[in-house]
Structures are given as C-alpha cells and as structure tokens.
Amino acid sequence: MSHRSDALAAMRGEKPQCIPFIGRMNLWYNYHNARGTLPERYVGWSYFDVVRDLGIGILGFGVWTQTFFKKVYHGVEVRRYTQDGDDVLEYATPYGTLRQRTAVSDVLRGTVDAGRDVEVLFKDERDYDALQYLIEHTEVEETYDSYARYVDEIGEDGVALPYTGWAPMHELMWKYMGVERFYYELYDRPAKVERLHEAFRELHLKIIRLAAHCPAQAIQVGGNYDDSITPPKFWDSYVAPFYKEVVAALRPTGKILVIHGDGKMVGLLTRIRDAGIQVAEALTPQPSTPINVAETRALWRDSVCMWGLIPFIILTPVYSDEDFRAYVEGLYRTMAPGDHFILGFGDNLPPEALLSRVQWLVQFNLQHGGYPIRA
C-alpha cells in the first residue's frame, strides 16, 4: 500500500498495511530554503521532493495552498498592497471600506504563510453594514480542474487536504473581528452578530456543497479550537449545528470530515467525537497542550482518527535524544494495535527541529509500524 492508501484506510477505520506517516514540514523547509541553510543534499530541491526523499507522506495542507474553489466578489473592490512592510487588504463596499493589516517579522518573512493581524477588518459597530454587504455579495466557484492537477502532483505519495474555512461563527470571531471584539459584540449587539453569522453560514454551506464533489477524498472543515476561546457553550450553539449540516452534505459522496486539531481542546473532546468528525489532524498532545494521548485514545478509539501526536517541541534540542525516543516508543504502545492512527507533527516541523530525529522517526515506523503494532 502507498502513503495515500494507508492514510485513507486509517481515516476510515480500516486496517492499513503500515501506520501512515504524513507530516507537515513546510515551515522548516521554507525557513531554511529562504536562508540557504538547507542540508547540502537538498539545496535546489522542491518541498515535495524533500519530503519524498525523507520517506514521509506529503500533506497537501489546504489552508495556504491549492483548494477546489475561489471566491468572487460582486459590487466590491478588493485592494491589496504593502504599507510600511505590512500587507494590507481592503474591501471597498457601498457602505464603507473594511481594512486589514497583517505584519510579518523580518525573521519569518518568506517562511510563514500568514502573519499576525495588527488591524482586523471589523473595528466597531459602524462596520456592520459593510461586512454584511461583503458576505452577501461573495459567491464561490469551483476550480476542480486545477485542484485535480494538484491532487495528481501528490499522487500516492500523500494526501491532498483542502480547507473550506473555519466554522462560520468561529471565522467571524477569528478572521474578521478578533476574539475580544467578537465577544463584546455578541454580548452588546447579538442580533447583528447573528445576522452576520447567518450570512456566513449560507456562504460556507455553498463551499461544503462544492467540497462534496471535489477531487479530494478528505476535506478539512474548521479547527484551531480551544476550550477557553471556543468553549462548550459556544460549540453547542454554533459549531455542532454547523457540523451536522456538513456531515449531511459530505457523507453521501464518501468524503472524510477532518478538523485541524492543534488547540487546547480537552474540554471539547467528547463534543468533537459526537459531531461526526472522522479525523483530527495536527493533534498536539502534552507537553504542548493538556491533551493526554491515552485518555483521548480511550475516548475516541472507534470514532475519530488521531493524526499527529508528535508535539513539535520534542523534535528540538530542548529534549534529549533519550527523552524523544522514549516518548515515541510509549506513543506506539499506547496506540497499539494502530487503528485510527496517522503519525504526524503537531502541527508543523519548526525551523530548529533536528532533521536526524525526523529520519529516526521514519526508520522507527518502518521497523515497528507494521499493522498491527505489537504493544
């Protein structure tokens, strides 16, 4: 079996030939490629070719790369430019202009795919009409042909994982208002926030309906959940109902529902299972978050595939080789016999990671990752 077929088997709860190792390491690659510090062997190589050479499956992570749809704006002028080193995005509507400014440090420029929003689109109550207009005048169109070429480029060497966006109310919070402003608005002007949410929901469901027929087999819908920022009450009110609609749209065409699970989600684990989510990708356990692998495994065993589980910090010199290896050996004992398990990074390989540990992981999985794992 291939990286792709083993990964899809694990996602579906079927038996893989070997525990799939599908890891996201573009942060490491971009950083060293931009600075000329790649290992000599990999100088001039593409990212996909480096991953292939290491023996890891490619993760075609869809948040910052290719996807199966594009947004089209009607009656809105979109402007992008650079100002004082920051990236500026503006949406000019009949009700005013929404402006976002994103900063990327000199150290990380050319390395990361997104910076820190130092100015969000929604500033105060004067922006409601402009944002409502923007969302209601946004359409989505499929780009299946170009995305199919991307899927083919990865082939059997990994998994293309397109991203549809955050859950609608979570996106309003995270992308448009910022957490603090969002919760003030939800308390002070709930009717206006709910009206925006309904427009976002309708737009997101159009994307989901396109996802149901796109060339990818697994679809990432939402993620970055945190039980303090998106607590159970928020989940029950806004996230769970949305996933119910997502499941109804994706299941008939056999698509696999994935979330990006790199957050502090202990208080949401049962809800994630009960929402019909099939895979938590980039799952990041202790010591990076409070998530305990054994407890989560017991809770999710027959329902949610755990993808990740190598917290990035143990791949750096902060941890000794002995502690790193002991962690991995314990992880395989916990995850035996290996159902619903994809090895990966939580959630990306950092620039300071030791490549020797990645190479050791590949060899360890080849030697001990045959299904079933012997505890």
Protein backbone atom coordinates (compact mmCIF):
# COMPACT_ATOMS: atom_id res chain seq x y z
CA MET A 1 0.00 0.00 0.00
CA SER A 2 1.04 3.63 -0.51
CA HIS A 3 1.18 6.61 1.84
CA ARG A 4 -2.16 7.71 0.42
CA SER A 5 -3.96 4.39 0.66
CA ASP A 6 -2.68 3.70 4.18
CA ALA A 7 -3.74 7.17 5.32
CA LEU A 8 -7.22 6.91 3.82
CA ALA A 9 -7.63 3.46 5.38
CA ALA A 10 -6.71 4.85 8.80
CA MET A 11 -9.14 7.75 8.38
CA ARG A 12 -11.95 5.35 7.51
CA GLY A 13 -11.21 2.99 10.39
CA GLU A 14 -9.90 0.30 8.08
CA LYS A 15 -6.66 -1.64 8.54
CA PRO A 16 -3.57 -0.08 6.93
CA GLN A 17 -0.59 -2.13 5.88
CA CYS A 18 1.66 0.19 7.88
CA ILE A 19 0.99 3.12 10.20
CA PRO A 20 0.97 6.07 7.77
CA PHE A 21 3.44 8.87 8.47
CA ILE A 22 2.05 12.05 6.87
CA GLY A 23 3.80 15.12 8.21
CA ARG A 24 3.65 18.85 7.54
CA MET A 25 7.14 20.37 7.46
CA ASN A 26 6.83 23.37 5.14
CA LEU A 27 7.77 25.76 7.96
CA TRP A 28 11.14 24.02 8.35
CA TYR A 29 11.66 23.84 4.59
CA ASN A 30 10.65 27.44 3.84
CA TYR A 31 12.82 28.84 6.61
CA HIS A 32 15.99 27.01 5.58
CA ASN A 33 15.36 27.35 1.84
CA ALA A 34 14.95 31.13 2.17
CA ARG A 35 18.20 31.42 4.15
CA GLY A 36 20.32 28.97 2.20
CA THR A 37 20.64 26.66 5.20
CA LEU A 38 19.05 23.52 3.81
CA PRO A 39 21.18 20.39 4.18
CA GLU A 40 23.58 20.20 1.25
CA ARG A 41 21.73 17.23 -0.21
CA TYR A 42 18.51 19.24 -0.52
CA VAL A 43 19.80 22.51 -1.95
CA GLY A 44 17.73 23.32 -5.03
CA TRP A 45 15.13 20.65 -4.25
CA SER A 46 11.38 21.34 -4.13
CA TYR A 47 9.46 20.87 -0.89
CA PHE A 48 7.61 17.82 -2.20
CA ASP A 49 10.85 16.20 -3.33
CA VAL A 50 12.49 16.71 0.08
CA VAL A 51 9.51 15.12 1.84
CA ARG A 52 9.52 12.21 -0.59
CA ASP A 53 13.25 11.66 -0.11
CA LEU A 54 12.86 11.56 3.67
CA GLY A 55 10.24 8.83 3.31
CA ILE A 56 7.38 10.85 4.75
CA GLY A 57 3.97 11.15 3.16
CA ILE A 58 3.14 14.58 1.71
CA LEU A 59 0.44 16.59 3.45
CA GLY A 60 -1.14 18.86 0.86
CA PHE A 61 -2.30 21.27 3.55
CA GLY A 62 -5.09 23.32 2.04
CA VAL A 63 -5.18 26.40 4.23
CA TRP A 64 -2.38 28.21 2.42
CA THR A 65 -2.10 26.20 -0.80
CA GLN A 66 -4.35 24.99 -3.57
CA THR A 67 -8.02 24.46 -2.99
CA PHE A 68 -11.07 23.49 -5.03
CA PHE A 69 -12.93 26.82 -5.06
CA LYS A 70 -12.42 30.53 -5.43
CA LYS A 71 -14.36 33.48 -4.08
CA VAL A 72 -15.85 36.01 -6.46
CA TYR A 73 -16.95 39.45 -5.21
CA HIS A 74 -19.80 41.45 -6.73
CA GLY A 75 -20.03 45.18 -6.15
CA VAL A 76 -16.89 45.07 -4.03
CA GLU A 77 -13.45 46.42 -4.94
CA VAL A 78 -10.64 44.33 -3.48
CA ARG A 79 -7.29 46.08 -2.97
CA ARG A 80 -4.03 44.52 -1.79
CA TYR A 81 -0.83 46.44 -1.20
CA THR A 82 2.14 46.80 1.13
CA GLN A 83 2.48 49.65 3.62
CA ASP A 84 5.47 50.12 5.90
CA GLY A 85 6.34 46.48 5.44
CA ASP A 86 2.87 45.21 6.34
CA ASP A 87 0.41 43.50 3.99
CA VAL A 88 -2.84 45.45 3.62
CA LEU A 89 -6.15 44.07 2.36
CA GLU A 90 -9.12 46.34 1.70
CA TYR A 91 -12.72 45.62 0.68
CA ALA A 92 -14.44 48.75 -0.63
CA THR A 93 -18.25 48.45 -0.40
CA PRO A 94 -21.10 50.94 -0.83
CA TYR A 95 -21.26 51.09 2.98
CA GLY A 96 -17.62 51.81 3.63
CA THR A 97 -14.20 50.19 3.37
CA LEU A 98 -13.03 47.31 5.53
CA ARG A 99 -9.27 47.27 6.07
CA GLN A 100 -6.99 44.55 7.41
CA ARG A 101 -3.26 44.96 8.07
CA THR A 102 -1.02 41.93 8.60
CA ALA A 103 2.51 42.09 9.95
CA VAL A 104 5.24 39.51 9.35
CA SER A 105 8.55 39.89 11.16
CA ASP A 106 11.74 40.13 9.16
CA VAL A 107 12.87 36.85 10.72
CA LEU A 108 9.81 34.98 9.46
CA ARG A 109 9.15 36.73 6.14
CA GLY A 110 9.40 34.16 3.36
CA THR A 111 8.93 31.38 5.90
CA VAL A 112 5.37 31.53 7.19
CA ASP A 113 2.22 31.57 5.11
CA ALA A 114 0.40 34.09 7.29
CA GLY A 115 1.38 36.84 9.68
CA ARG A 116 -0.24 38.48 12.69
CA ASP A 117 -3.26 40.68 12.08
CA VAL A 118 -2.45 44.01 13.72
CA GLU A 119 -5.61 45.55 12.29
CA VAL A 120 -8.78 43.49 11.78
CA LEU A 121 -11.48 44.11 9.19
CA PHE A 122 -14.24 44.82 11.71
CA LYS A 123 -13.39 47.70 14.07
CA ASP A 124 -16.71 48.69 15.66
CA GLU A 125 -20.47 48.83 15.13
CA ARG A 126 -20.05 51.22 12.16
CA ASP A 127 -18.68 48.27 10.14
CA TYR A 128 -21.74 46.00 10.35
CA ASP A 129 -23.37 47.14 7.12
CA ALA A 130 -20.13 46.93 5.12
CA LEU A 131 -19.32 43.45 6.41
CA GLN A 132 -22.88 42.24 5.84
CA TYR A 133 -22.71 43.56 2.26
CA LEU A 134 -19.33 41.91 1.68
CA ILE A 135 -20.52 38.46 2.76
CA GLU A 136 -23.86 38.67 0.96
CA HIS A 137 -22.08 39.71 -2.26
CA THR A 138 -19.49 36.93 -2.16
CA GLU A 139 -20.01 33.90 -4.37
CA VAL A 140 -17.94 30.74 -4.72
CA GLU A 141 -16.99 28.96 -7.92
CA GLU A 142 -15.40 25.54 -8.30
CA THR A 143 -11.83 25.15 -9.51
CA TYR A 144 -11.93 21.37 -9.79
CA ASP A 145 -9.63 21.08 -12.80
CA SER A 146 -6.70 22.97 -11.26
CA TYR A 147 -7.19 21.20 -7.94
CA ALA A 148 -7.24 17.82 -9.66
CA ARG A 149 -3.78 18.61 -11.07
CA TYR A 150 -2.58 19.35 -7.53
CA VAL A 151 -4.01 16.05 -6.29
CA ASP A 152 -2.25 14.27 -9.15
CA GLU A 153 1.03 16.03 -8.31
CA ILE A 154 0.92 14.47 -4.85
CA GLY A 155 -0.34 11.16 -6.21
CA GLU A 156 0.09 8.10 -3.99
CA ASP A 157 2.85 9.89 -2.06
CA GLY A 158 0.48 11.60 0.35
CA VAL A 159 -2.87 13.23 0.89
CA ALA A 160 -4.35 16.43 -0.52
CA LEU A 161 -6.31 18.09 2.26
CA PRO A 162 -8.29 21.12 1.06
CA TYR A 163 -9.64 23.57 3.60
CA THR A 164 -13.11 25.08 3.49
CA GLY A 165 -12.57 27.64 6.26
CA TRP A 166 -13.35 27.86 9.95
CA ALA A 167 -16.87 27.14 11.19
CA PRO A 168 -18.89 30.27 10.30
CA MET A 169 -19.18 31.88 13.75
CA HIS A 170 -15.60 30.90 14.56
CA GLU A 171 -14.45 32.58 11.34
CA LEU A 172 -16.34 35.74 12.22
CA MET A 173 -14.54 35.73 15.56
CA TRP A 174 -11.08 34.76 14.40
CA LYS A 175 -10.70 36.36 10.98
CA TYR A 176 -12.95 39.39 10.96
CA MET A 177 -13.42 40.75 14.49
CA GLY A 178 -10.75 39.30 16.73
CA VAL A 179 -11.63 37.36 19.88
CA GLU A 180 -12.07 40.26 22.29
CA ARG A 181 -14.15 42.45 19.96
CA PHE A 182 -16.26 39.43 18.94
CA TYR A 183 -17.37 38.61 22.47
CA TYR A 184 -18.15 42.27 23.24
CA GLU A 185 -20.27 42.44 20.09
CA LEU A 186 -22.02 39.13 20.81
CA TYR A 187 -22.99 40.47 24.23
CA ASP A 188 -23.85 44.05 23.23
CA ARG A 189 -25.38 43.54 19.77
CA PRO A 190 -26.39 39.86 19.49
CA ALA A 191 -28.99 40.37 16.77
CA LYS A 192 -26.46 42.00 14.44
CA VAL A 193 -23.89 39.29 15.12
CA GLU A 194 -26.47 36.56 14.49
CA ARG A 195 -27.43 38.18 11.19
CA LEU A 196 -23.78 38.16 10.11
CA HIS A 197 -23.49 34.55 11.24
CA GLU A 198 -26.41 33.50 9.10
CA ALA A 199 -24.83 35.10 6.03
CA PHE A 200 -21.51 33.38 6.78
CA ARG A 201 -23.30 30.07 7.29
CA GLU A 202 -25.01 30.27 3.89
CA LEU A 203 -21.69 31.08 2.22
CA HIS A 204 -19.88 28.23 3.98
CA LEU A 205 -22.55 25.71 3.05
CA LYS A 206 -22.08 26.64 -0.61
CA ILE A 207 -18.39 25.75 -0.18
CA ILE A 208 -19.29 22.50 1.56
CA ARG A 209 -21.60 21.51 -1.29
CA LEU A 210 -18.71 22.05 -3.71
CA ALA A 211 -16.45 20.02 -1.40
CA ALA A 212 -18.79 17.05 -1.64
CA HIS A 213 -17.86 16.66 -5.33
CA CYS A 214 -14.27 17.92 -5.40
CA PRO A 215 -11.27 15.73 -6.39
CA ALA A 216 -10.04 15.25 -2.79
CA GLN A 217 -11.16 12.38 -0.58
CA ALA A 218 -10.63 14.12 2.76
CA ILE A 219 -11.92 17.63 3.49
CA GLN A 220 -10.71 19.82 6.33
CA VAL A 221 -13.56 21.86 7.80
CA GLY A 222 -12.61 24.14 10.66
CA GLY A 223 -10.19 23.69 13.50
CA ASN A 224 -7.95 25.64 15.87
CA TYR A 225 -10.48 25.02 18.62
CA ASP A 226 -9.62 25.98 22.18
CA ASP A 227 -11.88 25.19 25.10
CA SER A 228 -11.33 28.65 26.59
CA ILE A 229 -11.86 30.67 23.38
CA THR A 230 -14.43 28.34 21.77
CA PRO A 231 -15.86 26.81 24.98
CA PRO A 232 -18.55 24.14 25.17
CA LYS A 233 -21.38 26.68 25.21
CA PHE A 234 -20.05 28.29 22.02
CA TRP A 235 -19.56 24.84 20.44
CA ASP A 236 -23.10 23.71 21.28
CA SER A 237 -24.67 26.91 19.96
CA TYR A 238 -22.69 27.46 16.77
CA VAL A 239 -20.22 24.71 15.90
CA ALA A 240 -22.17 21.49 16.48
CA PRO A 241 -25.19 22.57 14.37
CA PHE A 242 -22.86 23.53 11.52
CA TYR A 243 -21.07 20.16 11.59
CA LYS A 244 -24.44 18.42 11.48
CA GLU A 245 -25.07 20.15 8.15
CA VAL A 246 -21.53 19.37 6.96
CA VAL A 247 -21.92 15.66 7.71
CA ALA A 248 -25.23 15.57 5.85
CA ALA A 249 -23.55 17.08 2.78
CA LEU A 250 -20.28 15.08 2.76
CA ARG A 251 -21.29 11.57 3.81
CA PRO A 252 -23.40 10.72 0.73
CA THR A 253 -20.35 11.21 -1.53
CA GLY A 254 -17.97 9.37 0.80
CA LYS A 255 -15.86 12.40 1.76
CA ILE A 256 -13.95 12.23 5.04
CA LEU A 257 -14.52 15.06 7.52
CA VAL A 258 -11.28 16.37 9.06
CA ILE A 259 -10.56 19.16 11.54
CA HIS A 260 -7.26 20.88 12.35
CA GLY A 261 -6.74 19.74 15.94
CA ASP A 262 -3.74 21.66 17.23
CA GLY A 263 -5.54 23.51 20.02
CA LYS A 264 -6.19 23.14 23.73
CA MET A 265 -9.30 21.00 23.25
CA VAL A 266 -9.60 18.81 26.36
CA GLY A 267 -12.99 20.29 27.22
CA LEU A 268 -14.25 19.64 23.68
CA LEU A 269 -13.07 16.07 23.01
CA THR A 270 -16.42 14.41 23.62
CA ARG A 271 -18.19 17.00 21.52
CA ILE A 272 -15.73 16.51 18.65
CA ARG A 273 -16.46 12.78 18.70
CA ASP A 274 -20.22 13.30 18.85
CA ALA A 275 -20.20 15.81 15.97
CA GLY A 276 -19.39 13.11 13.41
CA ILE A 277 -15.85 14.37 12.84
CA GLN A 278 -13.78 11.48 11.50
CA VAL A 279 -10.21 12.82 11.77
CA ALA A 280 -8.36 15.29 14.00
CA GLU A 281 -5.27 16.34 12.04
CA ALA A 282 -2.28 18.09 13.68
CA LEU A 283 -3.40 16.68 17.02
CA THR A 284 -0.97 18.16 19.52
CA PRO A 285 -0.71 16.47 22.93
CA GLN A 286 1.28 17.07 26.10
CA PRO A 287 3.61 18.83 26.72
CA SER A 288 2.39 21.37 24.14
CA THR A 289 -1.28 21.21 25.22
CA PRO A 290 -3.10 19.44 28.09
CA ILE A 291 -4.29 16.64 25.77
CA ASN A 292 -3.37 13.22 27.15
CA VAL A 293 -2.85 10.66 24.38
CA ALA A 294 -4.04 7.62 26.35
CA GLU A 295 -7.19 9.31 27.63
CA THR A 296 -8.06 10.71 24.21
CA ARG A 297 -7.40 7.33 22.62
CA ALA A 298 -9.80 5.66 25.06
CA LEU A 299 -12.47 8.29 24.33
CA TRP A 300 -12.11 8.32 20.54
CA ARG A 301 -10.91 4.78 19.76
CA ASP A 302 -13.61 3.64 17.35
CA SER A 303 -14.74 7.01 16.02
CA VAL A 304 -12.03 9.65 15.47
CA CYS A 305 -8.69 9.06 13.74
CA MET A 306 -5.80 10.65 15.67
CA TRP A 307 -3.38 12.25 13.21
CA GLY A 308 -0.22 13.88 14.55
CA LEU A 309 0.78 13.18 18.18
CA ILE A 310 4.43 14.23 17.80
CA PRO A 311 4.49 17.61 19.60
CA PHE A 312 6.96 19.83 17.80
CA ILE A 313 8.93 20.67 20.95
CA ILE A 314 10.29 17.13 21.33
CA LEU A 315 11.86 17.38 17.88
CA THR A 316 14.08 20.24 19.05
CA PRO A 317 17.21 20.24 21.23
CA VAL A 318 15.05 21.24 24.22
CA TYR A 319 14.50 17.49 24.67
CA SER A 320 17.29 14.92 24.77
CA ASP A 321 17.53 12.11 22.25
CA GLU A 322 16.73 9.67 25.05
CA ASP A 323 13.54 11.51 26.07
CA PHE A 324 12.49 11.88 22.44
CA ARG A 325 12.86 8.18 21.73
CA ALA A 326 11.16 7.19 24.97
CA TYR A 327 8.19 9.36 24.02
CA VAL A 328 7.84 7.75 20.59
CA GLU A 329 8.14 4.22 21.98
CA GLY A 330 5.49 5.00 24.58
CA LEU A 331 3.24 6.51 21.92
CA TYR A 332 3.30 3.30 19.87
CA ARG A 333 2.48 1.22 22.93
CA THR A 334 -0.48 3.49 23.67
CA MET A 335 -1.76 3.50 20.09
CA ALA A 336 -1.43 -0.28 19.54
CA PRO A 337 -2.70 -2.04 17.53
CA GLY A 338 -2.75 1.10 15.37
CA ASP A 339 -6.36 1.64 14.30
CA HIS A 340 -7.38 5.23 13.58
CA PHE A 341 -3.76 6.41 13.80
CA ILE A 342 -1.67 8.54 11.45
CA LEU A 343 1.75 9.63 12.62
CA GLY A 344 2.49 13.31 12.06
CA PHE A 345 3.71 16.53 13.58
CA GLY A 346 1.72 18.71 15.93
CA ASP A 347 1.33 20.77 13.96
CA ASN A 348 4.36 21.69 11.81
CA LEU A 349 8.07 20.96 11.86
CA PRO A 350 9.78 24.07 13.29
CA PRO A 351 12.99 25.54 11.85
CA GLU A 352 15.02 24.46 14.89
CA ALA A 353 13.91 20.82 14.65
CA LEU A 354 16.65 18.23 14.35
CA LEU A 355 16.34 16.50 10.98
CA SER A 356 18.09 13.48 12.48
CA ARG A 357 15.04 12.91 14.67
CA VAL A 358 12.71 13.03 11.68
CA GLN A 359 14.92 10.45 9.97
CA TRP A 360 14.89 8.31 13.12
CA LEU A 361 11.07 8.51 13.20
CA VAL A 362 10.89 7.24 9.62
CA GLN A 363 13.11 4.28 10.42
CA PHE A 364 11.29 3.52 13.67
CA ASN A 365 7.95 3.48 11.88
CA LEU A 366 9.31 1.20 9.17
CA GLN A 367 10.56 -1.23 11.81
CA HIS A 368 7.67 -1.06 14.30
CA GLY A 369 4.73 0.47 12.44
CA GLY A 370 3.50 -2.59 10.59
CA TYR A 371 -0.16 -3.21 11.33
CA PRO A 372 -0.97 -4.45 13.89
CA ILE A 373 1.50 -2.73 16.22
CA ARG A 374 2.82 -5.12 18.84
CA ALA A 375 2.38 -3.39 22.21
